[in-house]
Amino acid sequence: MITEDLLERARLHVRRWFARRMPRHMHFHDLEHTLTVARTARAIGQGMKLKAADLALVELAAIFHDAGYALAHTGHEERSAELA
């Protein structure tokens, strides 16, 4: 089960990950983009009246969705999933 505590820890982890590992030239796939995607995904999920567990899963996926860019450009989606 994805709790609010887990989501908060994931948010903090990704903030640190981006600060330490994300290349500076990644102007689009930056922390602000990631946080905007997470907020938007959550809002869409709420609008679709997702159950709380599904909403948390969507938000968690959005939080990690571009973290893999720190490791690879091609295939970053798979790397992001591994990091999540």
PDB file of N, CA and C in Angstrom:
ATOM      1  N   MET A   1       0.845  -1.191   0.000  1.00  0.00           N
ATOM      2  CA  MET A   1       0.000   0.000   0.000  1.00  0.00           C
ATOM      3  C   MET A   1       0.886   1.248   0.000  1.00  0.00           C
ATOM      4  N   ILE A   2       0.531   2.199  -0.790  1.00  0.00           N
ATOM      5  CA  ILE A   2       1.277   3.451  -0.870  1.00  0.00           C
ATOM      6  C   ILE A   2       0.627   4.444   0.090  1.00  0.00           C
ATOM      7  N   THR A   3       1.346   4.783   1.126  1.00  0.00           N
ATOM      8  CA  THR A   3       0.835   5.706   2.133  1.00  0.00           C
ATOM      9  C   THR A   3       1.277   7.129   1.814  1.00  0.00           C
ATOM     10  N   GLU A   4       0.694   8.091   2.501  1.00  0.00           N
ATOM     11  CA  GLU A   4       1.106   9.487   2.343  1.00  0.00           C
ATOM     12  C   GLU A   4       2.554   9.652   2.787  1.00  0.00           C
ATOM     13  N   ASP A   5       2.960   8.911   3.804  1.00  0.00           N
ATOM     14  CA  ASP A   5       4.347   8.952   4.259  1.00  0.00           C
ATOM     15  C   ASP A   5       5.290   8.467   3.151  1.00  0.00           C
ATOM     16  N   LEU A   6       4.927   7.387   2.482  1.00  0.00           N
ATOM     17  CA  LEU A   6       5.747   6.878   1.384  1.00  0.00           C
ATOM     18  C   LEU A   6       5.822   7.897   0.251  1.00  0.00           C
ATOM     19  N   LEU A   7       4.708   8.523  -0.088  1.00  0.00           N
ATOM     20  CA  LEU A   7       4.718   9.550  -1.131  1.00  0.00           C
ATOM     21  C   LEU A   7       5.627  10.709  -0.742  1.00  0.00           C
ATOM     22  N   GLU A   8       5.565  11.120   0.498  1.00  0.00           N
ATOM     23  CA  GLU A   8       6.417  12.224   0.951  1.00  0.00           C
ATOM     24  C   GLU A   8       7.887  11.833   0.890  1.00  0.00           C
ATOM     25  N   ARG A   9       8.207  10.612   1.282  1.00  0.00           N
ATOM     26  CA  ARG A   9       9.590  10.142   1.199  1.00  0.00           C
ATOM     27  C   ARG A   9      10.049  10.058  -0.256  1.00  0.00           C
ATOM     28  N   ALA A  10       9.154   9.641  -1.157  1.00  0.00           N
ATOM     29  CA  ALA A  10       9.481   9.580  -2.587  1.00  0.00           C
ATOM     30  C   ALA A  10       9.729  10.983  -3.135  1.00  0.00           C
ATOM     31  N   ARG A  11       8.906  11.937  -2.745  1.00  0.00           N
ATOM     32  CA  ARG A  11       9.104  13.327  -3.185  1.00  0.00           C
ATOM     33  C   ARG A  11      10.468  13.843  -2.735  1.00  0.00           C
ATOM     34  N   LEU A  12      10.810  13.600  -1.490  1.00  0.00           N
ATOM     35  CA  LEU A  12      12.102  14.038  -0.955  1.00  0.00           C
ATOM     36  C   LEU A  12      13.251  13.339  -1.666  1.00  0.00           C
ATOM     37  N   HIS A  13      13.106  12.039  -1.881  1.00  0.00           N
ATOM     38  CA  HIS A  13      14.142  11.275  -2.573  1.00  0.00           C
ATOM     39  C   HIS A  13      14.379  11.831  -3.977  1.00  0.00           C
ATOM     40  N   VAL A  14      13.317  12.092  -4.706  1.00  0.00           N
ATOM     41  CA  VAL A  14      13.463  12.588  -6.077  1.00  0.00           C
ATOM     42  C   VAL A  14      14.040  14.001  -6.084  1.00  0.00           C
ATOM     43  N   ARG A  15      13.652  14.825  -5.130  1.00  0.00           N
ATOM     44  CA  ARG A  15      14.269  16.165  -5.024  1.00  0.00           C
ATOM     45  C   ARG A  15      15.779  16.039  -4.858  1.00  0.00           C
ATOM     46  N   ARG A  16      16.200  15.167  -3.966  1.00  0.00           N
ATOM     47  CA  ARG A  16      17.631  14.958  -3.737  1.00  0.00           C
ATOM     48  C   ARG A  16      18.303  14.347  -4.972  1.00  0.00           C
ATOM     49  N   TRP A  17      17.634  13.385  -5.582  1.00  0.00           N
ATOM     50  CA  TRP A  17      18.156  12.733  -6.785  1.00  0.00           C
ATOM     51  C   TRP A  17      18.421  13.765  -7.873  1.00  0.00           C
ATOM     52  N   PHE A  18      17.453  14.628  -8.108  1.00  0.00           N
ATOM     53  CA  PHE A  18      17.620  15.650  -9.138  1.00  0.00           C
ATOM     54  C   PHE A  18      18.743  16.615  -8.770  1.00  0.00           C
ATOM     55  N   ALA A  19      18.819  17.027  -7.530  1.00  0.00           N
ATOM     56  CA  ALA A  19      19.852  17.965  -7.091  1.00  0.00           C
ATOM     57  C   ALA A  19      21.254  17.370  -7.241  1.00  0.00           C
ATOM     58  N   ARG A  20      21.392  16.081  -7.004  1.00  0.00           N
ATOM     59  CA  ARG A  20      22.716  15.451  -7.018  1.00  0.00           C
ATOM     60  C   ARG A  20      23.106  14.850  -8.360  1.00  0.00           C
ATOM     61  N   ARG A  21      22.130  14.387  -9.120  1.00  0.00           N
ATOM     62  CA  ARG A  21      22.469  13.563 -10.281  1.00  0.00           C
ATOM     63  C   ARG A  21      21.971  14.066 -11.625  1.00  0.00           C
ATOM     64  N   MET A  22      20.946  14.874 -11.645  1.00  0.00           N
ATOM     65  CA  MET A  22      20.391  15.277 -12.934  1.00  0.00           C
ATOM     66  C   MET A  22      21.312  16.281 -13.616  1.00  0.00           C
ATOM     67  N   PRO A  23      21.697  16.011 -14.869  1.00  0.00           N
ATOM     68  CA  PRO A  23      22.563  16.946 -15.585  1.00  0.00           C
ATOM     69  C   PRO A  23      21.923  18.333 -15.691  1.00  0.00           C
ATOM     70  N   ARG A  24      22.732  19.355 -15.565  1.00  0.00           N
ATOM     71  CA  ARG A  24      22.247  20.743 -15.604  1.00  0.00           C
ATOM     72  C   ARG A  24      21.637  21.116 -16.951  1.00  0.00           C
ATOM     73  N   HIS A  25      22.078  20.446 -18.024  1.00  0.00           N
ATOM     74  CA  HIS A  25      21.560  20.795 -19.351  1.00  0.00           C
ATOM     75  C   HIS A  25      20.144  20.265 -19.597  1.00  0.00           C
ATOM     76  N   MET A  26      19.607  19.512 -18.678  1.00  0.00           N
ATOM     77  CA  MET A  26      18.246  18.982 -18.822  1.00  0.00           C
ATOM     78  C   MET A  26      17.243  20.048 -18.368  1.00  0.00           C
ATOM     79  N   HIS A  27      17.029  21.024 -19.220  1.00  0.00           N
ATOM     80  CA  HIS A  27      16.177  22.155 -18.867  1.00  0.00           C
ATOM     81  C   HIS A  27      14.684  21.803 -18.851  1.00  0.00           C
ATOM     82  N   PHE A  28      14.282  20.864 -19.685  1.00  0.00           N
ATOM     83  CA  PHE A  28      12.863  20.503 -19.696  1.00  0.00           C
ATOM     84  C   PHE A  28      12.571  19.435 -18.655  1.00  0.00           C
ATOM     85  N   HIS A  29      13.414  18.444 -18.582  1.00  0.00           N
ATOM     86  CA  HIS A  29      13.196  17.332 -17.652  1.00  0.00           C
ATOM     87  C   HIS A  29      13.886  17.646 -16.324  1.00  0.00           C
ATOM     88  N   ASP A  30      13.423  18.701 -15.693  1.00  0.00           N
ATOM     89  CA  ASP A  30      14.015  19.132 -14.430  1.00  0.00           C
ATOM     90  C   ASP A  30      13.043  18.865 -13.285  1.00  0.00           C
ATOM     91  N   LEU A  31      13.446  19.250 -12.092  1.00  0.00           N
ATOM     92  CA  LEU A  31      12.617  18.997 -10.918  1.00  0.00           C
ATOM     93  C   LEU A  31      11.269  19.686 -11.021  1.00  0.00           C
ATOM     94  N   GLU A  32      11.251  20.927 -11.470  1.00  0.00           N
ATOM     95  CA  GLU A  32       9.976  21.651 -11.567  1.00  0.00           C
ATOM     96  C   GLU A  32       9.016  20.940 -12.518  1.00  0.00           C
ATOM     97  N   HIS A  33       9.527  20.462 -13.642  1.00  0.00           N
ATOM     98  CA  HIS A  33       8.701  19.696 -14.586  1.00  0.00           C
ATOM     99  C   HIS A  33       8.127  18.460 -13.899  1.00  0.00           C
ATOM    100  N   THR A  34       8.984  17.744 -13.175  1.00  0.00           N
ATOM    101  CA  THR A  34       8.552  16.524 -12.499  1.00  0.00           C
ATOM    102  C   THR A  34       7.457  16.811 -11.475  1.00  0.00           C
ATOM    103  N   LEU A  35       7.644  17.852 -10.677  1.00  0.00           N
ATOM    104  CA  LEU A  35       6.640  18.193  -9.662  1.00  0.00           C
ATOM    105  C   LEU A  35       5.336  18.657 -10.302  1.00  0.00           C
ATOM    106  N   THR A  36       5.438  19.370 -11.423  1.00  0.00           N
ATOM    107  CA  THR A  36       4.232  19.802 -12.140  1.00  0.00           C
ATOM    108  C   THR A  36       3.484  18.594 -12.689  1.00  0.00           C
ATOM    109  N   VAL A  37       4.209  17.651 -13.269  1.00  0.00           N
ATOM    110  CA  VAL A  37       3.573  16.434 -13.786  1.00  0.00           C
ATOM    111  C   VAL A  37       2.892  15.672 -12.651  1.00  0.00           C
ATOM    112  N   ALA A  38       3.539  15.574 -11.507  1.00  0.00           N
ATOM    113  CA  ALA A  38       2.950  14.853 -10.376  1.00  0.00           C
ATOM    114  C   ALA A  38       1.674  15.540  -9.892  1.00  0.00           C
ATOM    115  N   ARG A  39       1.717  16.864  -9.772  1.00  0.00           N
ATOM    116  CA  ARG A  39       0.508  17.601  -9.343  1.00  0.00           C
ATOM    117  C   ARG A  39      -0.616  17.441 -10.364  1.00  0.00           C
ATOM    118  N   THR A  40      -0.259  17.524 -11.638  1.00  0.00           N
ATOM    119  CA  THR A  40      -1.267  17.412 -12.699  1.00  0.00           C
ATOM    120  C   THR A  40      -1.845  16.002 -12.764  1.00  0.00           C
ATOM    121  N   ALA A  41      -0.996  15.006 -12.631  1.00  0.00           N
ATOM    122  CA  ALA A  41      -1.473  13.618 -12.629  1.00  0.00           C
ATOM    123  C   ALA A  41      -2.439  13.391 -11.475  1.00  0.00           C
ATOM    124  N   ARG A  42      -2.093  13.930 -10.319  1.00  0.00           N
ATOM    125  CA  ARG A  42      -2.975  13.797  -9.153  1.00  0.00           C
ATOM    126  C   ARG A  42      -4.315  14.497  -9.402  1.00  0.00           C
ATOM    127  N   ALA A  43      -4.265  15.691  -9.969  1.00  0.00           N
ATOM    128  CA  ALA A  43      -5.501  16.438 -10.251  1.00  0.00           C
ATOM    129  C   ALA A  43      -6.375  15.697 -11.255  1.00  0.00           C
ATOM    130  N   ILE A  44      -5.763  15.152 -12.282  1.00  0.00           N
ATOM    131  CA  ILE A  44      -6.532  14.384 -13.273  1.00  0.00           C
ATOM    132  C   ILE A  44      -7.145  13.151 -12.601  1.00  0.00           C
ATOM    133  N   GLY A  45      -6.343  12.460 -11.801  1.00  0.00           N
ATOM    134  CA  GLY A  45      -6.862  11.285 -11.092  1.00  0.00           C
ATOM    135  C   GLY A  45      -8.023  11.621 -10.182  1.00  0.00           C
ATOM    136  N   GLN A  46      -7.917  12.754  -9.492  1.00  0.00           N
ATOM    137  CA  GLN A  46      -9.025  13.192  -8.636  1.00  0.00           C
ATOM    138  C   GLN A  46     -10.251  13.503  -9.477  1.00  0.00           C
ATOM    139  N   GLY A  47     -10.027  14.158 -10.614  1.00  0.00           N
ATOM    140  CA  GLY A  47     -11.139  14.469 -11.509  1.00  0.00           C
ATOM    141  C   GLY A  47     -11.810  13.222 -12.063  1.00  0.00           C
ATOM    142  N   MET A  48     -11.020  12.183 -12.244  1.00  0.00           N
ATOM    143  CA  MET A  48     -11.554  10.909 -12.734  1.00  0.00           C
ATOM    144  C   MET A  48     -12.121  10.056 -11.602  1.00  0.00           C
ATOM    145  N   LYS A  49     -12.035  10.601 -10.378  1.00  0.00           N
ATOM    146  CA  LYS A  49     -12.555   9.924  -9.185  1.00  0.00           C
ATOM    147  C   LYS A  49     -11.906   8.556  -8.960  1.00  0.00           C
ATOM    148  N   LEU A  50     -10.570   8.533  -9.143  1.00  0.00           N
ATOM    149  CA  LEU A  50      -9.832   7.300  -8.857  1.00  0.00           C
ATOM    150  C   LEU A  50      -9.913   6.978  -7.376  1.00  0.00           C
ATOM    151  N   LYS A  51      -9.854   5.699  -7.077  1.00  0.00           N
ATOM    152  CA  LYS A  51      -9.773   5.269  -5.688  1.00  0.00           C
ATOM    153  C   LYS A  51      -8.444   5.759  -5.125  1.00  0.00           C
ATOM    154  N   ALA A  52      -8.371   5.927  -3.813  1.00  0.00           N
ATOM    155  CA  ALA A  52      -7.180   6.471  -3.154  1.00  0.00           C
ATOM    156  C   ALA A  52      -5.924   5.674  -3.503  1.00  0.00           C
ATOM    157  N   ALA A  53      -6.010   4.358  -3.529  1.00  0.00           N
ATOM    158  CA  ALA A  53      -4.840   3.528  -3.832  1.00  0.00           C
ATOM    159  C   ALA A  53      -4.353   3.759  -5.257  1.00  0.00           C
ATOM    160  N   ASP A  54      -5.282   3.887  -6.191  1.00  0.00           N
ATOM    161  CA  ASP A  54      -4.915   4.133  -7.588  1.00  0.00           C
ATOM    162  C   ASP A  54      -4.341   5.537  -7.756  1.00  0.00           C
ATOM    163  N   LEU A  55      -4.922   6.491  -7.069  1.00  0.00           N
ATOM    164  CA  LEU A  55      -4.442   7.864  -7.119  1.00  0.00           C
ATOM    165  C   LEU A  55      -3.009   7.945  -6.591  1.00  0.00           C
ATOM    166  N   ALA A  56      -2.725   7.263  -5.508  1.00  0.00           N
ATOM    167  CA  ALA A  56      -1.369   7.253  -4.946  1.00  0.00           C
ATOM    168  C   ALA A  56      -0.389   6.609  -5.920  1.00  0.00           C
ATOM    169  N   LEU A  57      -0.785   5.548  -6.586  1.00  0.00           N
ATOM    170  CA  LEU A  57       0.072   4.876  -7.559  1.00  0.00           C
ATOM    171  C   LEU A  57       0.383   5.792  -8.739  1.00  0.00           C
ATOM    172  N   VAL A  58      -0.622   6.492  -9.225  1.00  0.00           N
ATOM    173  CA  VAL A  58      -0.428   7.439 -10.331  1.00  0.00           C
ATOM    174  C   VAL A  58       0.548   8.537  -9.915  1.00  0.00           C
ATOM    175  N   GLU A  59       0.373   9.077  -8.723  1.00  0.00           N
ATOM    176  CA  GLU A  59       1.261  10.137  -8.262  1.00  0.00           C
ATOM    177  C   GLU A  59       2.691   9.615  -8.090  1.00  0.00           C
ATOM    178  N   LEU A  60       2.843   8.434  -7.534  1.00  0.00           N
ATOM    179  CA  LEU A  60       4.176   7.868  -7.348  1.00  0.00           C
ATOM    180  C   LEU A  60       4.875   7.670  -8.701  1.00  0.00           C
ATOM    181  N   ALA A  61       4.159   7.158  -9.671  1.00  0.00           N
ATOM    182  CA  ALA A  61       4.733   6.979 -11.010  1.00  0.00           C
ATOM    183  C   ALA A  61       5.148   8.326 -11.604  1.00  0.00           C
ATOM    184  N   ALA A  62       4.328   9.339 -11.412  1.00  0.00           N
ATOM    185  CA  ALA A  62       4.644  10.668 -11.948  1.00  0.00           C
ATOM    186  C   ALA A  62       5.869  11.266 -11.266  1.00  0.00           C
ATOM    187  N   ILE A  63       6.030  11.024  -9.990  1.00  0.00           N
ATOM    188  CA  ILE A  63       7.176  11.551  -9.260  1.00  0.00           C
ATOM    189  C   ILE A  63       8.483  11.006  -9.848  1.00  0.00           C
ATOM    190  N   PHE A  64       8.488   9.753 -10.243  1.00  0.00           N
ATOM    191  CA  PHE A  64       9.706   9.124 -10.752  1.00  0.00           C
ATOM    192  C   PHE A  64       9.828   9.158 -12.278  1.00  0.00           C
ATOM    193  N   HIS A  65       8.837   9.657 -12.997  1.00  0.00           N
ATOM    194  CA  HIS A  65       8.758   9.428 -14.438  1.00  0.00           C
ATOM    195  C   HIS A  65       9.975   9.859 -15.241  1.00  0.00           C
ATOM    196  N   ASP A  66      10.722  10.859 -14.841  1.00  0.00           N
ATOM    197  CA  ASP A  66      11.905  11.291 -15.601  1.00  0.00           C
ATOM    198  C   ASP A  66      13.209  11.131 -14.827  1.00  0.00           C
ATOM    199  N   ALA A  67      13.183  10.505 -13.681  1.00  0.00           N
ATOM    200  CA  ALA A  67      14.405  10.344 -12.884  1.00  0.00           C
ATOM    201  C   ALA A  67      15.487   9.586 -13.643  1.00  0.00           C
ATOM    202  N   GLY A  68      15.099   8.723 -14.552  1.00  0.00           N
ATOM    203  CA  GLY A  68      16.048   7.936 -15.321  1.00  0.00           C
ATOM    204  C   GLY A  68      16.923   8.742 -16.258  1.00  0.00           C
ATOM    205  N   TYR A  69      16.533   9.984 -16.553  1.00  0.00           N
ATOM    206  CA  TYR A  69      17.371  10.832 -17.405  1.00  0.00           C
ATOM    207  C   TYR A  69      18.754  11.058 -16.801  1.00  0.00           C
ATOM    208  N   ALA A  70      18.897  10.930 -15.512  1.00  0.00           N
ATOM    209  CA  ALA A  70      20.209  11.082 -14.881  1.00  0.00           C
ATOM    210  C   ALA A  70      21.132   9.927 -15.257  1.00  0.00           C
ATOM    211  N   LEU A  71      20.576   8.837 -15.730  1.00  0.00           N
ATOM    212  CA  LEU A  71      21.357   7.652 -16.061  1.00  0.00           C
ATOM    213  C   LEU A  71      21.470   7.407 -17.558  1.00  0.00           C
ATOM    214  N   ALA A  72      20.446   7.770 -18.318  1.00  0.00           N
ATOM    215  CA  ALA A  72      20.452   7.511 -19.757  1.00  0.00           C
ATOM    216  C   ALA A  72      19.373   8.345 -20.433  1.00  0.00           C
ATOM    217  N   HIS A  73      19.665   8.775 -21.648  1.00  0.00           N
ATOM    218  CA  HIS A  73      18.641   9.488 -22.416  1.00  0.00           C
ATOM    219  C   HIS A  73      17.739   8.458 -23.090  1.00  0.00           C
ATOM    220  N   THR A  74      18.345   7.606 -23.893  1.00  0.00           N
ATOM    221  CA  THR A  74      17.584   6.539 -24.528  1.00  0.00           C
ATOM    222  C   THR A  74      17.278   5.488 -23.479  1.00  0.00           C
ATOM    223  N   GLY A  75      16.016   5.147 -23.375  1.00  0.00           N
ATOM    224  CA  GLY A  75      15.604   4.158 -22.387  1.00  0.00           C
ATOM    225  C   GLY A  75      15.415   4.721 -20.988  1.00  0.00           C
ATOM    226  N   HIS A  76      15.289   6.050 -20.906  1.00  0.00           N
ATOM    227  CA  HIS A  76      15.144   6.639 -19.564  1.00  0.00           C
ATOM    228  C   HIS A  76      13.865   6.192 -18.874  1.00  0.00           C
ATOM    229  N   GLU A  77      12.832   5.828 -19.655  1.00  0.00           N
ATOM    230  CA  GLU A  77      11.586   5.395 -19.032  1.00  0.00           C
ATOM    231  C   GLU A  77      11.799   4.125 -18.218  1.00  0.00           C
ATOM    232  N   GLU A  78      12.534   3.179 -18.807  1.00  0.00           N
ATOM    233  CA  GLU A  78      12.803   1.927 -18.101  1.00  0.00           C
ATOM    234  C   GLU A  78      13.671   2.190 -16.863  1.00  0.00           C
ATOM    235  N   ARG A  79      14.662   3.066 -17.020  1.00  0.00           N
ATOM    236  CA  ARG A  79      15.528   3.400 -15.884  1.00  0.00           C
ATOM    237  C   ARG A  79      14.722   4.083 -14.781  1.00  0.00           C
ATOM    238  N   SER A  80      13.780   4.935 -15.173  1.00  0.00           N
ATOM    239  CA  SER A  80      12.920   5.614 -14.188  1.00  0.00           C
ATOM    240  C   SER A  80      12.091   4.584 -13.419  1.00  0.00           C
ATOM    241  N   ALA A  81      11.558   3.605 -14.145  1.00  0.00           N
ATOM    242  CA  ALA A  81      10.767   2.548 -13.493  1.00  0.00           C
ATOM    243  C   ALA A  81      11.625   1.742 -12.515  1.00  0.00           C
ATOM    244  N   GLU A  82      12.867   1.457 -12.909  1.00  0.00           N
ATOM    245  CA  GLU A  82      13.772   0.726 -12.025  1.00  0.00           C
ATOM    246  C   GLU A  82      14.044   1.532 -10.757  1.00  0.00           C
ATOM    247  N   LEU A  83      14.255   2.835 -10.914  1.00  0.00           N
ATOM    248  CA  LEU A  83      14.516   3.688  -9.755  1.00  0.00           C
ATOM    249  C   LEU A  83      13.306   3.756  -8.811  1.00  0.00           C
ATOM    250  N   ALA A  84      12.118   3.782  -9.395  1.00  0.00           N
ATOM    251  CA  ALA A  84      10.905   3.821  -8.572  1.00  0.00           C
ATOM    252  C   ALA A  84      10.817   2.558  -7.744  1.00  0.00           C
TER     253      ALA A  84
END
